[in-house]
Amino acid sequence: MKANKLTKETIMNLGVKDRGFPTFNVGDTIQVAQKIKEGEKERIQRFKGDVIAMRNNNVASTFTVRRMGADNVGVEKIFPYFSPMIKDIEIIKKGDVRRAKLYYIRERIGKATRIKEKLMTKEQKEAVSDKEKDNIVPQSKEEKIESIEKSKE
């Protein structure tokens, strides 16, 4: 029996399937619906804030969301993108930033922490929504392995 030739990259991508989340970037204001388990009960907690960092590393991809809590105390949460505990992500507004990481916001106070909103026309918004619909990713491990083998041939 011949063994499948799997590389490190293909092994890392095996468990990855499309979560159906909208595409968001650093600077966007999003609302993350997270499942919280307390004893035997399970509820959904929403965390709304600005995305200040994203780390793309296949299955280990994460994004950091920051918001201002009570008494103007900054609260940051790091969410694993492929975690089953994340139920939904909703984009509140798109941000217009020029940096990949917005760590400088941690030192800012008050109105200085605001992020400029990216303004788009109706045509641009429709183009973005059509582009998101076209992103089709294989759902199961078998389909993923088949697509990898076809690309090698």
C-alpha atoms as a PDB file:
ATOM      1  CA  MET A   1       0.000   0.000   0.000  1.00  0.00           C
ATOM      2  CA  LYS A   2       1.374   3.357  -1.031  1.00  0.00           C
ATOM      3  CA  ALA A   3       1.342   6.072   1.627  1.00  0.00           C
ATOM      4  CA  ASN A   4      -0.132   9.475   0.833  1.00  0.00           C
ATOM      5  CA  LYS A   5       2.525  12.127   0.486  1.00  0.00           C
ATOM      6  CA  LEU A   6       1.320  14.796   2.863  1.00  0.00           C
ATOM      7  CA  THR A   7       3.399  17.856   3.618  1.00  0.00           C
ATOM      8  CA  LYS A   8       3.322  19.969   6.755  1.00  0.00           C
ATOM      9  CA  GLU A   9       1.044  22.503   5.043  1.00  0.00           C
ATOM     10  CA  THR A  10      -1.520  19.892   3.972  1.00  0.00           C
ATOM     11  CA  ILE A  11      -1.608  18.365   7.450  1.00  0.00           C
ATOM     12  CA  MET A  12      -2.201  21.814   8.998  1.00  0.00           C
ATOM     13  CA  ASN A  13      -5.100  22.454   6.591  1.00  0.00           C
ATOM     14  CA  LEU A  14      -6.854  19.088   7.101  1.00  0.00           C
ATOM     15  CA  GLY A  15      -9.169  20.180   9.891  1.00  0.00           C
ATOM     16  CA  VAL A  16      -9.898  23.581   8.365  1.00  0.00           C
ATOM     17  CA  LYS A  17     -13.376  24.155   6.967  1.00  0.00           C
ATOM     18  CA  ASP A  18     -15.159  27.336   6.074  1.00  0.00           C
ATOM     19  CA  ARG A  19     -16.925  28.746   9.128  1.00  0.00           C
ATOM     20  CA  GLY A  20     -19.158  31.019   7.071  1.00  0.00           C
ATOM     21  CA  PHE A  21     -18.019  34.145   8.905  1.00  0.00           C
ATOM     22  CA  PRO A  22     -17.899  37.413   6.960  1.00  0.00           C
ATOM     23  CA  THR A  23     -14.429  38.564   5.987  1.00  0.00           C
ATOM     24  CA  PHE A  24     -13.137  41.229   8.347  1.00  0.00           C
ATOM     25  CA  ASN A  25      -9.824  42.978   8.768  1.00  0.00           C
ATOM     26  CA  VAL A  26      -7.865  44.907  11.345  1.00  0.00           C
ATOM     27  CA  GLY A  27      -9.669  48.120  12.248  1.00  0.00           C
ATOM     28  CA  ASP A  28     -13.194  46.764  11.787  1.00  0.00           C
ATOM     29  CA  THR A  29     -15.705  46.920  14.620  1.00  0.00           C
ATOM     30  CA  ILE A  30     -17.216  43.468  15.079  1.00  0.00           C
ATOM     31  CA  GLN A  31     -19.510  41.634  17.461  1.00  0.00           C
ATOM     32  CA  VAL A  32     -18.487  38.084  18.369  1.00  0.00           C
ATOM     33  CA  ALA A  33     -21.129  35.678  19.700  1.00  0.00           C
ATOM     34  CA  GLN A  34     -19.335  33.237  21.992  1.00  0.00           C
ATOM     35  CA  LYS A  35     -20.806  30.163  23.690  1.00  0.00           C
ATOM     36  CA  ILE A  36     -20.265  30.252  27.452  1.00  0.00           C
ATOM     37  CA  LYS A  37     -20.764  27.123  29.525  1.00  0.00           C
ATOM     38  CA  GLU A  38     -21.645  27.640  33.189  1.00  0.00           C
ATOM     39  CA  GLY A  39     -22.188  24.335  34.923  1.00  0.00           C
ATOM     40  CA  GLU A  40     -24.743  22.500  32.824  1.00  0.00           C
ATOM     41  CA  LYS A  41     -26.198  25.654  31.262  1.00  0.00           C
ATOM     42  CA  GLU A  42     -24.962  27.079  27.992  1.00  0.00           C
ATOM     43  CA  ARG A  43     -25.570  30.660  26.893  1.00  0.00           C
ATOM     44  CA  ILE A  44     -24.321  33.060  24.250  1.00  0.00           C
ATOM     45  CA  GLN A  45     -22.312  36.109  25.241  1.00  0.00           C
ATOM     46  CA  ARG A  46     -21.639  38.898  22.754  1.00  0.00           C
ATOM     47  CA  PHE A  47     -18.361  40.819  22.768  1.00  0.00           C
ATOM     48  CA  LYS A  48     -18.328  44.006  20.688  1.00  0.00           C
ATOM     49  CA  GLY A  49     -15.103  45.823  19.917  1.00  0.00           C
ATOM     50  CA  ASP A  50     -12.419  46.764  17.414  1.00  0.00           C
ATOM     51  CA  VAL A  51     -10.145  44.179  15.787  1.00  0.00           C
ATOM     52  CA  ILE A  52      -6.614  45.289  16.687  1.00  0.00           C
ATOM     53  CA  ALA A  53      -4.663  42.258  15.439  1.00  0.00           C
ATOM     54  CA  MET A  54      -5.027  39.164  13.273  1.00  0.00           C
ATOM     55  CA  ARG A  55      -2.721  36.160  13.120  1.00  0.00           C
ATOM     56  CA  ASN A  56      -3.211  33.860  10.121  1.00  0.00           C
ATOM     57  CA  ASN A  57      -1.703  30.460  10.820  1.00  0.00           C
ATOM     58  CA  ASN A  58      -4.101  27.882   9.323  1.00  0.00           C
ATOM     59  CA  VAL A  59      -5.874  26.074  12.179  1.00  0.00           C
ATOM     60  CA  ALA A  60      -4.157  28.235  14.801  1.00  0.00           C
ATOM     61  CA  SER A  61      -5.452  31.532  13.339  1.00  0.00           C
ATOM     62  CA  THR A  62      -6.535  34.072  15.950  1.00  0.00           C
ATOM     63  CA  PHE A  63      -7.852  37.624  16.092  1.00  0.00           C
ATOM     64  CA  THR A  64      -7.753  40.108  18.955  1.00  0.00           C
ATOM     65  CA  VAL A  65     -10.757  42.289  19.787  1.00  0.00           C
ATOM     66  CA  ARG A  66     -10.504  45.304  22.123  1.00  0.00           C
ATOM     67  CA  ARG A  67     -13.292  47.319  23.730  1.00  0.00           C
ATOM     68  CA  MET A  68     -13.601  49.851  26.490  1.00  0.00           C
ATOM     69  CA  GLY A  69     -15.186  48.350  29.593  1.00  0.00           C
ATOM     70  CA  ALA A  70     -16.511  49.957  32.754  1.00  0.00           C
ATOM     71  CA  ASP A  71     -14.614  53.012  34.057  1.00  0.00           C
ATOM     72  CA  ASN A  72     -12.740  53.239  30.720  1.00  0.00           C
ATOM     73  CA  VAL A  73     -10.753  50.086  31.352  1.00  0.00           C
ATOM     74  CA  GLY A  74      -9.624  48.418  28.136  1.00  0.00           C
ATOM     75  CA  VAL A  75     -10.650  44.786  27.725  1.00  0.00           C
ATOM     76  CA  GLU A  76      -9.019  42.570  25.091  1.00  0.00           C
ATOM     77  CA  LYS A  77      -9.941  39.051  24.084  1.00  0.00           C
ATOM     78  CA  ILE A  78      -8.049  36.750  21.762  1.00  0.00           C
ATOM     79  CA  PHE A  79     -10.401  34.487  19.818  1.00  0.00           C
ATOM     80  CA  PRO A  80      -9.282  31.385  17.879  1.00  0.00           C
ATOM     81  CA  TYR A  81     -10.894  31.702  14.443  1.00  0.00           C
ATOM     82  CA  PHE A  82     -11.725  27.989  14.072  1.00  0.00           C
ATOM     83  CA  SER A  83     -12.979  27.495  17.633  1.00  0.00           C
ATOM     84  CA  PRO A  84     -16.356  25.744  17.937  1.00  0.00           C
ATOM     85  CA  MET A  85     -17.128  28.106  20.836  1.00  0.00           C
ATOM     86  CA  ILE A  86     -17.581  31.013  18.411  1.00  0.00           C
ATOM     87  CA  LYS A  87     -21.102  30.879  17.079  1.00  0.00           C
ATOM     88  CA  ASP A  88     -21.269  33.997  14.940  1.00  0.00           C
ATOM     89  CA  ILE A  89     -19.367  37.124  13.931  1.00  0.00           C
ATOM     90  CA  GLU A  90     -21.177  40.277  12.836  1.00  0.00           C
ATOM     91  CA  ILE A  91     -19.468  43.279  11.259  1.00  0.00           C
ATOM     92  CA  ILE A  92     -20.736  46.536  12.748  1.00  0.00           C
ATOM     93  CA  LYS A  93     -18.574  48.912  10.682  1.00  0.00           C
ATOM     94  CA  LYS A  94     -15.481  48.785   8.488  1.00  0.00           C
ATOM     95  CA  GLY A  95     -12.411  50.662   9.665  1.00  0.00           C
ATOM     96  CA  ASP A  96      -9.930  52.611   7.572  1.00  0.00           C
ATOM     97  CA  VAL A  97      -6.439  51.934   8.979  1.00  0.00           C
ATOM     98  CA  ARG A  98      -2.910  51.811   7.588  1.00  0.00           C
ATOM     99  CA  ARG A  99      -1.367  49.314   9.964  1.00  0.00           C
ATOM    100  CA  ALA A 100      -1.503  45.541  10.343  1.00  0.00           C
ATOM    101  CA  LYS A 101      -1.470  45.685  14.152  1.00  0.00           C
ATOM    102  CA  LEU A 102      -3.158  48.453  16.139  1.00  0.00           C
ATOM    103  CA  TYR A 103      -1.306  47.976  19.428  1.00  0.00           C
ATOM    104  CA  TYR A 104      -0.738  51.737  19.695  1.00  0.00           C
ATOM    105  CA  ILE A 105      -4.430  52.112  20.644  1.00  0.00           C
ATOM    106  CA  ARG A 106      -3.623  50.625  24.062  1.00  0.00           C
ATOM    107  CA  GLU A 107      -1.863  53.832  25.124  1.00  0.00           C
ATOM    108  CA  ARG A 108      -4.545  56.158  23.748  1.00  0.00           C
ATOM    109  CA  ILE A 109      -7.303  57.633  25.924  1.00  0.00           C
ATOM    110  CA  GLY A 110     -10.805  58.875  25.085  1.00  0.00           C
ATOM    111  CA  LYS A 111     -11.553  60.111  21.586  1.00  0.00           C
ATOM    112  CA  ALA A 112      -8.023  59.291  20.429  1.00  0.00           C
ATOM    113  CA  THR A 113      -8.930  55.591  20.413  1.00  0.00           C
ATOM    114  CA  ARG A 114     -11.504  56.052  17.654  1.00  0.00           C
ATOM    115  CA  ILE A 115     -10.873  54.445  14.280  1.00  0.00           C
ATOM    116  CA  LYS A 116     -11.859  56.249  11.090  1.00  0.00           C
ATOM    117  CA  GLU A 117     -14.740  54.526   9.270  1.00  0.00           C
ATOM    118  CA  LYS A 118     -14.255  53.349   5.693  1.00  0.00           C
ATOM    119  CA  LEU A 119     -16.970  54.830   3.513  1.00  0.00           C
ATOM    120  CA  MET A 120     -18.115  52.767   0.518  1.00  0.00           C
ATOM    121  CA  THR A 121     -20.627  53.342  -2.239  1.00  0.00           C
ATOM    122  CA  LYS A 122     -23.508  50.942  -2.903  1.00  0.00           C
ATOM    123  CA  GLU A 123     -21.634  49.399  -5.831  1.00  0.00           C
ATOM    124  CA  GLN A 124     -18.577  48.712  -3.677  1.00  0.00           C
ATOM    125  CA  LYS A 125     -20.714  47.112  -0.948  1.00  0.00           C
ATOM    126  CA  GLU A 126     -22.437  44.863  -3.516  1.00  0.00           C
ATOM    127  CA  ALA A 127     -19.078  43.859  -4.987  1.00  0.00           C
ATOM    128  CA  VAL A 128     -17.790  42.888  -1.546  1.00  0.00           C
ATOM    129  CA  SER A 129     -20.907  40.828  -0.755  1.00  0.00           C
ATOM    130  CA  ASP A 130     -20.718  39.062  -4.162  1.00  0.00           C
ATOM    131  CA  LYS A 131     -17.036  38.286  -3.567  1.00  0.00           C
ATOM    132  CA  GLU A 132     -17.845  36.675  -0.185  1.00  0.00           C
ATOM    133  CA  LYS A 133     -20.503  34.461  -1.788  1.00  0.00           C
ATOM    134  CA  ASP A 134     -17.982  33.169  -4.367  1.00  0.00           C
ATOM    135  CA  ASN A 135     -15.547  31.862  -1.717  1.00  0.00           C
ATOM    136  CA  ILE A 136     -16.247  28.112  -1.731  1.00  0.00           C
ATOM    137  CA  VAL A 137     -14.079  25.873   0.456  1.00  0.00           C
ATOM    138  CA  PRO A 138     -14.324  22.053   0.653  1.00  0.00           C
ATOM    139  CA  GLN A 139     -16.257  21.030   3.773  1.00  0.00           C
ATOM    140  CA  SER A 140     -14.952  17.586   4.716  1.00  0.00           C
ATOM    141  CA  LYS A 141     -11.473  16.132   5.201  1.00  0.00           C
ATOM    142  CA  GLU A 142     -11.983  13.723   2.303  1.00  0.00           C
ATOM    143  CA  GLU A 143     -12.842  16.555  -0.086  1.00  0.00           C
ATOM    144  CA  LYS A 144      -9.812  18.488   1.148  1.00  0.00           C
ATOM    145  CA  ILE A 145      -7.477  15.516   0.539  1.00  0.00           C
ATOM    146  CA  GLU A 146      -8.977  14.976  -2.930  1.00  0.00           C
ATOM    147  CA  SER A 147      -8.464  18.619  -3.867  1.00  0.00           C
ATOM    148  CA  ILE A 148      -4.827  18.447  -2.651  1.00  0.00           C
ATOM    149  CA  GLU A 149      -4.177  15.300  -4.681  1.00  0.00           C
ATOM    150  CA  LYS A 150      -5.755  16.838  -7.801  1.00  0.00           C
ATOM    151  CA  SER A 151      -3.601  19.942  -7.456  1.00  0.00           C
ATOM    152  CA  LYS A 152      -0.443  17.750  -7.302  1.00  0.00           C
ATOM    153  CA  GLU A 153      -1.321  16.020 -10.597  1.00  0.00           C
END
